[in-house]
Amino acid sequence: RNARTLGEALKSRGDLHLLHKLLAFTGLEASLDWRAKRGSKNVMFVPVDAALKRQLSKRGMTEDDLFHGSMRNGVDRMCRSLMMCGFSDISTMWLGVLHLGGHVEAQTLCPCGSTVTLTASNSGASSLTIGGAKVLAGDLLWQG
């Protein structure tokens, strides 16, 4: 398990500023750190600022639009849809998906019931994809 906090991990990269602000805004940063200190295993798929801003632009929104009090629940659900419980690293996740037939619809931590599609093949952990995108070790920046 990583000894640094989620905030420290996010600050260590210059392209994760927006996600860090969103997690602090919703209170998820403190909650995840608290859970990690008690042994909870969570994996977060971390979109870089450019990807988040592209999604906002497609919806006609700005970064500032996200930080209005009325948006807190929607932002919370969006952030939780990037998280899953029970996996400690890419290899563990790959083995779990492979064991379940190589294709899994996994529940996220979002109370809205969102899922993500994970696929894996016998060619090793590098074959793991989420939503069709290859998972890289850097995508699992913090594991609490």
C-alpha atoms as a PDB file:
ATOM      1  CA  ARG A   1       0.000   0.000   0.000  1.00  0.00           C
ATOM      2  CA  ASN A   2       1.157   3.497  -0.779  1.00  0.00           C
ATOM      3  CA  ALA A   3       2.263   5.481   2.287  1.00  0.00           C
ATOM      4  CA  ARG A   4       1.455   8.873   0.808  1.00  0.00           C
ATOM      5  CA  THR A   5      -1.970  10.464   0.860  1.00  0.00           C
ATOM      6  CA  LEU A   6      -4.169  10.730  -2.199  1.00  0.00           C
ATOM      7  CA  GLY A   7      -3.614  14.501  -2.252  1.00  0.00           C
ATOM      8  CA  GLU A   8       0.168  14.033  -2.215  1.00  0.00           C
ATOM      9  CA  ALA A   9      -0.068  11.543  -5.056  1.00  0.00           C
ATOM     10  CA  LEU A  10      -2.231  13.850  -7.151  1.00  0.00           C
ATOM     11  CA  LYS A  11       0.020  16.854  -6.483  1.00  0.00           C
ATOM     12  CA  SER A  12       3.053  14.843  -7.629  1.00  0.00           C
ATOM     13  CA  ARG A  13       1.811  15.159 -11.198  1.00  0.00           C
ATOM     14  CA  GLY A  14       1.142  18.480 -12.891  1.00  0.00           C
ATOM     15  CA  ASP A  15      -1.724  17.172 -15.018  1.00  0.00           C
ATOM     16  CA  LEU A  16      -4.100  16.121 -12.224  1.00  0.00           C
ATOM     17  CA  HIS A  17      -4.925  19.500 -10.689  1.00  0.00           C
ATOM     18  CA  LEU A  18      -8.598  19.517 -11.708  1.00  0.00           C
ATOM     19  CA  LEU A  19      -9.304  16.026 -10.376  1.00  0.00           C
ATOM     20  CA  HIS A  20      -7.606  16.939  -7.087  1.00  0.00           C
ATOM     21  CA  LYS A  21      -9.840  20.021  -6.773  1.00  0.00           C
ATOM     22  CA  LEU A  22     -12.926  17.922  -7.527  1.00  0.00           C
ATOM     23  CA  LEU A  23     -12.052  15.270  -4.929  1.00  0.00           C
ATOM     24  CA  ALA A  24     -11.441  17.951  -2.299  1.00  0.00           C
ATOM     25  CA  PHE A  25     -14.703  19.737  -3.252  1.00  0.00           C
ATOM     26  CA  THR A  26     -16.764  16.586  -2.729  1.00  0.00           C
ATOM     27  CA  GLY A  27     -14.940  15.443   0.423  1.00  0.00           C
ATOM     28  CA  LEU A  28     -13.873  12.217  -1.275  1.00  0.00           C
ATOM     29  CA  GLU A  29     -10.167  12.927  -0.830  1.00  0.00           C
ATOM     30  CA  ALA A  30     -10.429  12.905   2.969  1.00  0.00           C
ATOM     31  CA  SER A  31     -12.826   9.959   2.946  1.00  0.00           C
ATOM     32  CA  LEU A  32     -10.561   7.821   0.763  1.00  0.00           C
ATOM     33  CA  ASP A  33      -7.492   8.651   2.847  1.00  0.00           C
ATOM     34  CA  TRP A  34      -9.406   7.702   6.002  1.00  0.00           C
ATOM     35  CA  ARG A  35     -10.495   4.383   4.461  1.00  0.00           C
ATOM     36  CA  ALA A  36      -6.969   3.629   3.204  1.00  0.00           C
ATOM     37  CA  LYS A  37      -5.533   4.105   6.692  1.00  0.00           C
ATOM     38  CA  ARG A  38      -7.945   1.420   7.877  1.00  0.00           C
ATOM     39  CA  GLY A  39      -6.898  -1.089   5.220  1.00  0.00           C
ATOM     40  CA  SER A  40      -9.565  -0.497   2.565  1.00  0.00           C
ATOM     41  CA  LYS A  41      -8.410  -1.320  -0.970  1.00  0.00           C
ATOM     42  CA  ASN A  42      -9.604   1.053  -3.673  1.00  0.00           C
ATOM     43  CA  VAL A  43      -8.387   1.661  -7.184  1.00  0.00           C
ATOM     44  CA  MET A  44      -8.981   4.986  -8.865  1.00  0.00           C
ATOM     45  CA  PHE A  45      -8.732   5.519 -12.595  1.00  0.00           C
ATOM     46  CA  VAL A  46      -7.272   8.973 -12.909  1.00  0.00           C
ATOM     47  CA  PRO A  47      -8.201  11.128 -15.901  1.00  0.00           C
ATOM     48  CA  VAL A  48      -5.723  13.903 -16.644  1.00  0.00           C
ATOM     49  CA  ASP A  49      -6.852  17.531 -16.717  1.00  0.00           C
ATOM     50  CA  ALA A  50      -6.960  17.652 -20.522  1.00  0.00           C
ATOM     51  CA  ALA A  51      -9.364  14.692 -20.665  1.00  0.00           C
ATOM     52  CA  LEU A  52     -11.661  16.194 -18.026  1.00  0.00           C
ATOM     53  CA  LYS A  53     -11.654  19.565 -19.778  1.00  0.00           C
ATOM     54  CA  ARG A  54     -12.512  17.911 -23.130  1.00  0.00           C
ATOM     55  CA  GLN A  55     -15.508  16.247 -21.495  1.00  0.00           C
ATOM     56  CA  LEU A  56     -16.625  19.547 -19.962  1.00  0.00           C
ATOM     57  CA  SER A  57     -16.279  21.295 -23.304  1.00  0.00           C
ATOM     58  CA  LYS A  58     -18.425  18.636 -25.012  1.00  0.00           C
ATOM     59  CA  ARG A  59     -21.132  19.438 -22.456  1.00  0.00           C
ATOM     60  CA  GLY A  60     -20.809  23.204 -22.856  1.00  0.00           C
ATOM     61  CA  MET A  61     -19.441  23.580 -19.330  1.00  0.00           C
ATOM     62  CA  THR A  62     -16.419  25.286 -17.816  1.00  0.00           C
ATOM     63  CA  GLU A  63     -14.251  24.195 -14.914  1.00  0.00           C
ATOM     64  CA  ASP A  64     -15.889  26.874 -12.749  1.00  0.00           C
ATOM     65  CA  ASP A  65     -19.336  25.387 -13.459  1.00  0.00           C
ATOM     66  CA  LEU A  66     -18.344  22.257 -11.527  1.00  0.00           C
ATOM     67  CA  PHE A  67     -17.710  24.059  -8.261  1.00  0.00           C
ATOM     68  CA  HIS A  68     -21.176  25.440  -7.611  1.00  0.00           C
ATOM     69  CA  GLY A  69     -22.879  23.897  -4.593  1.00  0.00           C
ATOM     70  CA  SER A  70     -25.689  22.587  -6.804  1.00  0.00           C
ATOM     71  CA  MET A  71     -23.160  20.468  -8.723  1.00  0.00           C
ATOM     72  CA  ARG A  72     -21.708  18.696  -5.665  1.00  0.00           C
ATOM     73  CA  ASN A  73     -23.818  15.531  -6.023  1.00  0.00           C
ATOM     74  CA  GLY A  74     -23.136  15.218  -9.751  1.00  0.00           C
ATOM     75  CA  VAL A  75     -19.419  15.762  -9.278  1.00  0.00           C
ATOM     76  CA  ASP A  76     -19.400  13.237  -6.427  1.00  0.00           C
ATOM     77  CA  ARG A  77     -21.081  10.613  -8.659  1.00  0.00           C
ATOM     78  CA  MET A  78     -18.640  11.335 -11.487  1.00  0.00           C
ATOM     79  CA  CYS A  79     -15.634  10.896  -9.191  1.00  0.00           C
ATOM     80  CA  ARG A  80     -17.045   7.721  -7.644  1.00  0.00           C
ATOM     81  CA  SER A  81     -17.585   6.260 -11.118  1.00  0.00           C
ATOM     82  CA  LEU A  82     -13.778   6.305 -11.459  1.00  0.00           C
ATOM     83  CA  MET A  83     -13.297   4.106  -8.381  1.00  0.00           C
ATOM     84  CA  MET A  84     -13.649   0.415  -7.632  1.00  0.00           C
ATOM     85  CA  CYS A  85     -13.044  -1.603  -4.459  1.00  0.00           C
ATOM     86  CA  GLY A  86     -11.116  -4.773  -3.884  1.00  0.00           C
ATOM     87  CA  PHE A  87      -8.119  -4.514  -6.189  1.00  0.00           C
ATOM     88  CA  SER A  88      -4.662  -3.588  -4.993  1.00  0.00           C
ATOM     89  CA  ASP A  89      -2.827  -3.308  -8.328  1.00  0.00           C
ATOM     90  CA  ILE A  90      -3.023  -3.995 -12.068  1.00  0.00           C
ATOM     91  CA  SER A  91      -1.928  -7.642 -11.729  1.00  0.00           C
ATOM     92  CA  THR A  92      -4.611  -8.397  -9.154  1.00  0.00           C
ATOM     93  CA  MET A  93      -7.265  -6.759 -11.304  1.00  0.00           C
ATOM     94  CA  TRP A  94      -6.062  -8.579 -14.445  1.00  0.00           C
ATOM     95  CA  LEU A  95      -6.130 -11.957 -12.675  1.00  0.00           C
ATOM     96  CA  GLY A  96      -9.611 -11.288 -11.322  1.00  0.00           C
ATOM     97  CA  VAL A  97     -10.975 -10.376 -14.758  1.00  0.00           C
ATOM     98  CA  LEU A  98      -9.214 -13.313 -16.417  1.00  0.00           C
ATOM     99  CA  HIS A  99     -10.611 -15.696 -13.784  1.00  0.00           C
ATOM    100  CA  LEU A 100     -14.125 -14.433 -14.567  1.00  0.00           C
ATOM    101  CA  GLY A 101     -13.811 -15.222 -18.274  1.00  0.00           C
ATOM    102  CA  GLY A 102     -11.877 -12.208 -19.512  1.00  0.00           C
ATOM    103  CA  HIS A 103     -14.844  -9.802 -19.690  1.00  0.00           C
ATOM    104  CA  VAL A 104     -16.478  -8.194 -16.645  1.00  0.00           C
ATOM    105  CA  GLU A 105     -18.952  -5.385 -16.010  1.00  0.00           C
ATOM    106  CA  ALA A 106     -17.608  -4.095 -12.687  1.00  0.00           C
ATOM    107  CA  GLN A 107     -19.602  -1.988 -10.254  1.00  0.00           C
ATOM    108  CA  THR A 108     -18.029   1.333  -9.319  1.00  0.00           C
ATOM    109  CA  LEU A 109     -18.417   3.142  -5.982  1.00  0.00           C
ATOM    110  CA  CYS A 110     -21.007   5.468  -7.480  1.00  0.00           C
ATOM    111  CA  PRO A 111     -24.413   5.123  -5.745  1.00  0.00           C
ATOM    112  CA  CYS A 112     -25.940   5.665  -9.200  1.00  0.00           C
ATOM    113  CA  GLY A 113     -25.057   2.047 -10.048  1.00  0.00           C
ATOM    114  CA  SER A 114     -22.562   2.834 -12.819  1.00  0.00           C
ATOM    115  CA  THR A 115     -20.340   0.081 -14.164  1.00  0.00           C
ATOM    116  CA  VAL A 116     -17.169  -0.108 -16.217  1.00  0.00           C
ATOM    117  CA  THR A 117     -16.242  -2.838 -18.680  1.00  0.00           C
ATOM    118  CA  LEU A 118     -12.958  -4.619 -17.962  1.00  0.00           C
ATOM    119  CA  THR A 119     -11.343  -7.072 -20.368  1.00  0.00           C
ATOM    120  CA  ALA A 120      -8.220  -9.205 -20.068  1.00  0.00           C
ATOM    121  CA  SER A 121      -6.467 -11.901 -22.076  1.00  0.00           C
ATOM    122  CA  ASN A 122      -3.893 -14.587 -21.331  1.00  0.00           C
ATOM    123  CA  SER A 123      -1.075 -12.342 -22.545  1.00  0.00           C
ATOM    124  CA  GLY A 124      -0.482 -10.758 -19.132  1.00  0.00           C
ATOM    125  CA  ALA A 125      -1.464  -7.743 -17.085  1.00  0.00           C
ATOM    126  CA  SER A 126      -0.611  -5.440 -20.003  1.00  0.00           C
ATOM    127  CA  SER A 127      -3.700  -6.808 -21.790  1.00  0.00           C
ATOM    128  CA  LEU A 128      -6.086  -5.249 -19.221  1.00  0.00           C
ATOM    129  CA  THR A 129      -8.474  -2.665 -20.660  1.00  0.00           C
ATOM    130  CA  ILE A 130     -11.155  -0.562 -19.051  1.00  0.00           C
ATOM    131  CA  GLY A 131     -13.858   0.759 -21.320  1.00  0.00           C
ATOM    132  CA  GLY A 132     -11.689  -0.274 -24.264  1.00  0.00           C
ATOM    133  CA  ALA A 133      -8.679   1.793 -23.111  1.00  0.00           C
ATOM    134  CA  LYS A 134      -5.451   0.047 -22.142  1.00  0.00           C
ATOM    135  CA  VAL A 135      -4.593   0.436 -18.453  1.00  0.00           C
ATOM    136  CA  LEU A 136      -1.101   1.703 -17.749  1.00  0.00           C
ATOM    137  CA  ALA A 137       0.711   1.551 -14.416  1.00  0.00           C
ATOM    138  CA  GLY A 138       0.576   5.344 -14.280  1.00  0.00           C
ATOM    139  CA  ASP A 139      -3.219   5.144 -14.385  1.00  0.00           C
ATOM    140  CA  LEU A 140      -3.110   3.555 -10.937  1.00  0.00           C
ATOM    141  CA  LEU A 141      -1.240   6.437  -9.369  1.00  0.00           C
ATOM    142  CA  TRP A 142      -2.607   5.940  -5.861  1.00  0.00           C
ATOM    143  CA  GLN A 143      -3.902   2.764  -4.327  1.00  0.00           C
ATOM    144  CA  GLY A 144      -5.514   3.163  -0.968  1.00  0.00           C
END
